[in-house]
C-alpha atoms as a PDB file:
ATOM      1  CA  MET A   1     -32.333  16.590  -4.860  1.00  0.00           C
ATOM      2  CA  ALA A   2     -33.454  15.921  -1.177  1.00  0.00           C
ATOM      3  CA  GLN A   3     -30.069  15.884   1.114  1.00  0.00           C
ATOM      4  CA  PHE A   4     -30.183  12.123   2.494  1.00  0.00           C
ATOM      5  CA  SER A   5     -27.048  10.530   4.643  1.00  0.00           C
ATOM      6  CA  PRO A   6     -25.526   7.660   2.801  1.00  0.00           C
ATOM      7  CA  TYR A   7     -27.101   5.448   5.642  1.00  0.00           C
ATOM      8  CA  GLN A   8     -30.703   6.679   4.784  1.00  0.00           C
ATOM      9  CA  LEU A   9     -30.234   6.093   1.287  1.00  0.00           C
ATOM     10  CA  PHE A  10     -29.787   2.248   1.876  1.00  0.00           C
ATOM     11  CA  GLY A  11     -32.251   2.162   4.722  1.00  0.00           C
ATOM     12  CA  LEU A  12     -29.400   1.307   7.120  1.00  0.00           C
ATOM     13  CA  LYS A  13     -28.898   2.371  10.815  1.00  0.00           C
ATOM     14  CA  PRO A  14     -25.817   4.972  11.086  1.00  0.00           C
ATOM     15  CA  THR A  15     -23.569   2.575  12.923  1.00  0.00           C
ATOM     16  CA  TYR A  16     -19.609   1.668  12.174  1.00  0.00           C
ATOM     17  CA  ALA A  17     -20.712  -1.771  11.925  1.00  0.00           C
ATOM     18  CA  VAL A  18     -22.264  -2.498   8.539  1.00  0.00           C
ATOM     19  CA  ASP A  19     -23.895  -5.793   7.183  1.00  0.00           C
ATOM     20  CA  LEU A  20     -21.728  -5.669   3.965  1.00  0.00           C
ATOM     21  CA  LYS A  21     -23.962  -8.295   2.238  1.00  0.00           C
ATOM     22  CA  ARG A  22     -27.137  -5.961   3.187  1.00  0.00           C
ATOM     23  CA  LEU A  23     -25.282  -2.830   1.855  1.00  0.00           C
ATOM     24  CA  GLU A  24     -24.431  -4.780  -1.511  1.00  0.00           C
ATOM     25  CA  SER A  25     -28.015  -5.679  -1.988  1.00  0.00           C
ATOM     26  CA  ALA A  26     -29.520  -2.155  -1.121  1.00  0.00           C
ATOM     27  CA  TYR A  27     -27.190  -0.790  -3.414  1.00  0.00           C
ATOM     28  CA  GLN A  28     -28.310  -2.997  -6.235  1.00  0.00           C
ATOM     29  CA  ALA A  29     -31.547  -2.287  -5.402  1.00  0.00           C
ATOM     30  CA  ALA A  30     -30.931   1.402  -5.672  1.00  0.00           C
ATOM     31  CA  MET A  31     -29.008   1.367  -8.800  1.00  0.00           C
ATOM     32  CA  LEU A  32     -31.534  -0.684 -10.522  1.00  0.00           C
ATOM     33  CA  LYS A  33     -34.039   2.179  -9.827  1.00  0.00           C
ATOM     34  CA  VAL A  34     -31.806   4.629 -11.424  1.00  0.00           C
ATOM     35  CA  HIS A  35     -30.035   2.482 -14.151  1.00  0.00           C
ATOM     36  CA  PRO A  36     -29.442   4.596 -17.458  1.00  0.00           C
ATOM     37  CA  ASP A  37     -31.779   1.800 -19.735  1.00  0.00           C
ATOM     38  CA  ARG A  38     -34.722   2.734 -17.638  1.00  0.00           C
ATOM     39  CA  PHE A  39     -34.554   6.659 -18.600  1.00  0.00           C
ATOM     40  CA  ALA A  40     -33.375   6.222 -22.209  1.00  0.00           C
ATOM     41  CA  ASP A  41     -36.778   7.307 -23.517  1.00  0.00           C
ATOM     42  CA  ARG A  42     -37.493  10.086 -20.829  1.00  0.00           C
ATOM     43  CA  SER A  43     -36.628  13.739 -21.008  1.00  0.00           C
ATOM     44  CA  ALA A  44     -33.052  15.205 -20.744  1.00  0.00           C
ATOM     45  CA  ALA A  45     -33.947  16.501 -17.537  1.00  0.00           C
ATOM     46  CA  GLU A  46     -35.063  12.892 -16.176  1.00  0.00           C
ATOM     47  CA  ARG A  47     -32.120  11.492 -17.479  1.00  0.00           C
ATOM     48  CA  ARG A  48     -30.057  13.873 -15.777  1.00  0.00           C
ATOM     49  CA  VAL A  49     -31.665  13.596 -12.470  1.00  0.00           C
ATOM     50  CA  ALA A  50     -31.293   9.643 -12.709  1.00  0.00           C
ATOM     51  CA  GLU A  51     -27.499  10.408 -13.339  1.00  0.00           C
ATOM     52  CA  GLN A  52     -27.176  12.541 -10.201  1.00  0.00           C
ATOM     53  CA  TRP A  53     -28.859   9.712  -8.204  1.00  0.00           C
ATOM     54  CA  SER A  54     -26.867   7.420  -9.851  1.00  0.00           C
ATOM     55  CA  THR A  55     -23.494   9.146  -8.744  1.00  0.00           C
ATOM     56  CA  ARG A  56     -24.950  10.023  -5.450  1.00  0.00           C
ATOM     57  CA  ILE A  57     -25.691   6.048  -4.646  1.00  0.00           C
ATOM     58  CA  ASN A  58     -22.236   4.959  -6.217  1.00  0.00           C
ATOM     59  CA  GLU A  59     -20.560   7.814  -3.742  1.00  0.00           C
ATOM     60  CA  ALA A  60     -22.556   6.496  -0.823  1.00  0.00           C
ATOM     61  CA  TYR A  61     -21.963   2.988  -1.546  1.00  0.00           C
ATOM     62  CA  GLN A  62     -18.139   3.573  -1.555  1.00  0.00           C
ATOM     63  CA  LEU A  63     -18.110   5.738   1.533  1.00  0.00           C
ATOM     64  CA  LEU A  64     -19.965   2.795   3.620  1.00  0.00           C
ATOM     65  CA  LYS A  65     -17.849   0.241   1.892  1.00  0.00           C
ATOM     66  CA  ASN A  66     -14.753   1.868   3.354  1.00  0.00           C
ATOM     67  CA  PRO A  67     -14.085   1.613   7.210  1.00  0.00           C
ATOM     68  CA  VAL A  68     -12.071   4.816   7.405  1.00  0.00           C
ATOM     69  CA  LYS A  69     -14.692   6.844   5.177  1.00  0.00           C
ATOM     70  CA  ARG A  70     -17.469   5.464   7.099  1.00  0.00           C
ATOM     71  CA  ALA A  71     -15.708   6.259  10.340  1.00  0.00           C
ATOM     72  CA  ALA A  72     -14.695   9.769   9.355  1.00  0.00           C
ATOM     73  CA  TRP A  73     -18.321  10.284   8.181  1.00  0.00           C
ATOM     74  CA  LEU A  74     -19.904   9.322  11.358  1.00  0.00           C
ATOM     75  CA  CYS A  75     -17.368  11.524  13.512  1.00  0.00           C
ATOM     76  CA  GLU A  76     -18.203  14.462  11.187  1.00  0.00           C
ATOM     77  CA  ALA A  77     -21.913  13.944  11.123  1.00  0.00           C
ATOM     78  CA  ALA A  78     -21.619  13.947  15.112  1.00  0.00           C
ATOM     79  CA  GLY A  79     -19.952  17.160  15.110  1.00  0.00           C
ATOM     80  CA  HIS A  80     -16.458  15.806  15.578  1.00  0.00           C
ATOM     81  CA  PRO A  81     -14.539  16.136  12.445  1.00  0.00           C
ATOM     82  CA  LEU A  82     -11.254  14.623  11.775  1.00  0.00           C
ATOM     83  CA  GLU A  83      -9.310  18.023  10.934  1.00  0.00           C
ATOM     84  CA  SER A  84      -6.754  15.504   9.333  1.00  0.00           C
ATOM     85  CA  GLU A  85      -5.451  18.051   6.574  1.00  0.00           C
ATOM     86  CA  THR A  86      -4.711  20.613   9.873  1.00  0.00           C
ATOM     87  CA  ASN A  87      -4.148  18.583  12.769  1.00  0.00           C
ATOM     88  CA  THR A  88      -1.236  15.889  12.162  1.00  0.00           C
ATOM     89  CA  ARG A  89      -0.676  15.515  16.221  1.00  0.00           C
ATOM     90  CA  MET A  90      -0.584  11.830  17.040  1.00  0.00           C
ATOM     91  CA  PRO A  91       0.237  10.166  20.372  1.00  0.00           C
ATOM     92  CA  ALA A  92       3.726   9.477  21.065  1.00  0.00           C
ATOM     93  CA  ASP A  93       3.574   5.371  21.141  1.00  0.00           C
ATOM     94  CA  PHE A  94       1.710   5.600  17.832  1.00  0.00           C
ATOM     95  CA  LEU A  95       4.218   7.833  16.191  1.00  0.00           C
ATOM     96  CA  MET A  96       6.957   5.530  17.258  1.00  0.00           C
ATOM     97  CA  THR A  97       4.978   2.612  15.907  1.00  0.00           C
ATOM     98  CA  GLN A  98       4.879   4.466  12.452  1.00  0.00           C
ATOM     99  CA  ILE A  99       8.507   5.054  12.667  1.00  0.00           C
ATOM    100  CA  GLU A 100       9.578   1.286  13.427  1.00  0.00           C
ATOM    101  CA  TRP A 101       7.352   0.253  10.675  1.00  0.00           C
ATOM    102  CA  ARG A 102       8.710   2.421   8.246  1.00  0.00           C
ATOM    103  CA  GLU A 103      12.115   1.550   9.395  1.00  0.00           C
ATOM    104  CA  ALA A 104      11.284  -2.473   9.087  1.00  0.00           C
ATOM    105  CA  LEU A 105       9.830  -1.961   5.454  1.00  0.00           C
ATOM    106  CA  GLU A 106      12.776  -0.141   4.522  1.00  0.00           C
ATOM    107  CA  SER A 107      15.439  -2.669   6.133  1.00  0.00           C
ATOM    108  CA  ALA A 108      13.380  -5.454   4.480  1.00  0.00           C
ATOM    109  CA  ASP A 109      15.152  -4.752   1.474  1.00  0.00           C
ATOM    110  CA  GLY A 110      12.744  -6.684  -0.793  1.00  0.00           C
ATOM    111  CA  ASN A 111      12.771  -9.835   1.444  1.00  0.00           C
ATOM    112  CA  LYS A 112       9.157 -11.450   0.991  1.00  0.00           C
ATOM    113  CA  ASP A 113       9.416 -13.103   4.298  1.00  0.00           C
ATOM    114  CA  LYS A 114      10.037  -9.812   5.943  1.00  0.00           C
ATOM    115  CA  ILE A 115       7.634  -8.032   4.190  1.00  0.00           C
ATOM    116  CA  ALA A 116       4.647 -10.509   4.736  1.00  0.00           C
ATOM    117  CA  ALA A 117       5.580 -10.527   8.627  1.00  0.00           C
ATOM    118  CA  LEU A 118       5.347  -6.849   8.485  1.00  0.00           C
ATOM    119  CA  ARG A 119       2.054  -6.952   6.724  1.00  0.00           C
ATOM    120  CA  ALA A 120       0.795  -9.562   9.479  1.00  0.00           C
ATOM    121  CA  GLU A 121       1.683  -7.231  12.275  1.00  0.00           C
ATOM    122  CA  THR A 122       0.342  -4.283  10.419  1.00  0.00           C
ATOM    123  CA  GLU A 123      -2.818  -5.831   9.834  1.00  0.00           C
ATOM    124  CA  THR A 124      -3.423  -7.311  13.480  1.00  0.00           C
ATOM    125  CA  VAL A 125      -2.856  -3.871  14.390  1.00  0.00           C
ATOM    126  CA  TRP A 126      -5.811  -2.617  12.083  1.00  0.00           C
ATOM    127  CA  ARG A 127      -8.040  -5.029  13.233  1.00  0.00           C
ATOM    128  CA  GLU A 128      -7.431  -4.459  16.899  1.00  0.00           C
ATOM    129  CA  THR A 129      -7.916  -0.666  15.854  1.00  0.00           C
ATOM    130  CA  GLU A 130     -10.848  -1.122  13.937  1.00  0.00           C
ATOM    131  CA  GLU A 131     -12.503  -3.254  16.942  1.00  0.00           C
ATOM    132  CA  ARG A 132     -11.545  -0.294  19.259  1.00  0.00           C
ATOM    133  CA  LEU A 133     -13.303   2.116  16.593  1.00  0.00           C
ATOM    134  CA  ALA A 134     -16.371   0.111  16.586  1.00  0.00           C
ATOM    135  CA  ARG A 135     -16.862   0.076  20.549  1.00  0.00           C
ATOM    136  CA  ALA A 136     -16.039   3.929  20.833  1.00  0.00           C
ATOM    137  CA  LEU A 137     -18.392   4.626  17.613  1.00  0.00           C
ATOM    138  CA  ASP A 138     -21.347   1.911  18.291  1.00  0.00           C
ATOM    139  CA  GLY A 139     -20.927   1.562  21.817  1.00  0.00           C
ATOM    140  CA  SER A 140     -20.043   4.338  24.000  1.00  0.00           C
ATOM    141  CA  ALA A 141     -20.405   7.282  21.602  1.00  0.00           C
ATOM    142  CA  ASP A 142     -16.615   8.196  22.683  1.00  0.00           C
ATOM    143  CA  TRP A 143     -15.888  10.749  20.170  1.00  0.00           C
ATOM    144  CA  THR A 144     -12.631  11.828  21.279  1.00  0.00           C
ATOM    145  CA  ALA A 145     -11.391   7.911  20.846  1.00  0.00           C
ATOM    146  CA  ALA A 146     -13.141   7.680  17.582  1.00  0.00           C
ATOM    147  CA  VAL A 147     -11.549  10.342  15.995  1.00  0.00           C
ATOM    148  CA  ASP A 148      -8.185   9.257  17.139  1.00  0.00           C
ATOM    149  CA  LEU A 149      -8.953   5.771  16.162  1.00  0.00           C
ATOM    150  CA  THR A 150      -9.898   6.714  12.626  1.00  0.00           C
ATOM    151  CA  ARG A 151      -6.962   8.922  12.018  1.00  0.00           C
ATOM    152  CA  ARG A 152      -4.775   5.967  13.336  1.00  0.00           C
ATOM    153  CA  LEU A 153      -6.629   3.753  10.524  1.00  0.00           C
ATOM    154  CA  MET A 154      -6.005   6.289   7.960  1.00  0.00           C
ATOM    155  CA  PHE A 155      -2.332   6.023   8.688  1.00  0.00           C
ATOM    156  CA  ILE A 156      -2.256   2.030   8.953  1.00  0.00           C
ATOM    157  CA  GLY A 157      -4.351   2.101   5.605  1.00  0.00           C
ATOM    158  CA  ARG A 158      -1.677   3.932   3.867  1.00  0.00           C
ATOM    159  CA  PHE A 159       1.143   1.951   5.316  1.00  0.00           C
ATOM    160  CA  LEU A 160      -0.682  -1.204   4.147  1.00  0.00           C
ATOM    161  CA  GLU A 161      -0.604   0.357   0.589  1.00  0.00           C
ATOM    162  CA  GLU A 162       2.897   1.033   0.770  1.00  0.00           C
ATOM    163  CA  VAL A 163       3.421  -2.692   2.094  1.00  0.00           C
ATOM    164  CA  THR A 164       1.773  -3.632  -0.889  1.00  0.00           C
ATOM    165  CA  HIS A 165       3.708  -1.552  -3.327  1.00  0.00           C
ATOM    166  CA  ALA A 166       6.744  -3.388  -1.774  1.00  0.00           C
ATOM    167  CA  GLU A 167       5.277  -6.807  -2.403  1.00  0.00           C
ATOM    168  CA  LYS A 168       4.406  -6.101  -6.048  1.00  0.00           C
ATOM    169  CA  ASN A 169       7.949  -4.725  -6.719  1.00  0.00           C
ATOM    170  CA  ASN A 170       9.844  -7.874  -5.406  1.00  0.00           C
END
């Protein structure tokens, strides 16, 4: 199987800003080409290759749909890995924000209004961070900023999952 970037697979330009409707259309078209029904009467080898392409298409689609995974891929493809497993350093201001959010979530103690306010604040920071990330990746190719902002988005995304969990459990 030839090595393609997820962008090449769908005929998209490798940018952070992705037209999700165009991505969805390209995904559907690609999946139609390798759908198992089209290969039911083919050899086992051809069915296996179709399954491999189906897997690759699904993985590429999931990567490009996810803003954090997409940004991480762009950084790594440009030679700027996130090193999120080994490098946990973050700027002090962002560490303080993390602490404040966690304390606010804990002290909300199931209060739906407090949790909703925390979600709204966190989602605002997510959008602002994502806008800055788009400028760093698509505008200025500022890889240092892009890596930092991607790592921030990773944290914010995980924290929003915790907020969702708190909402469901109250």
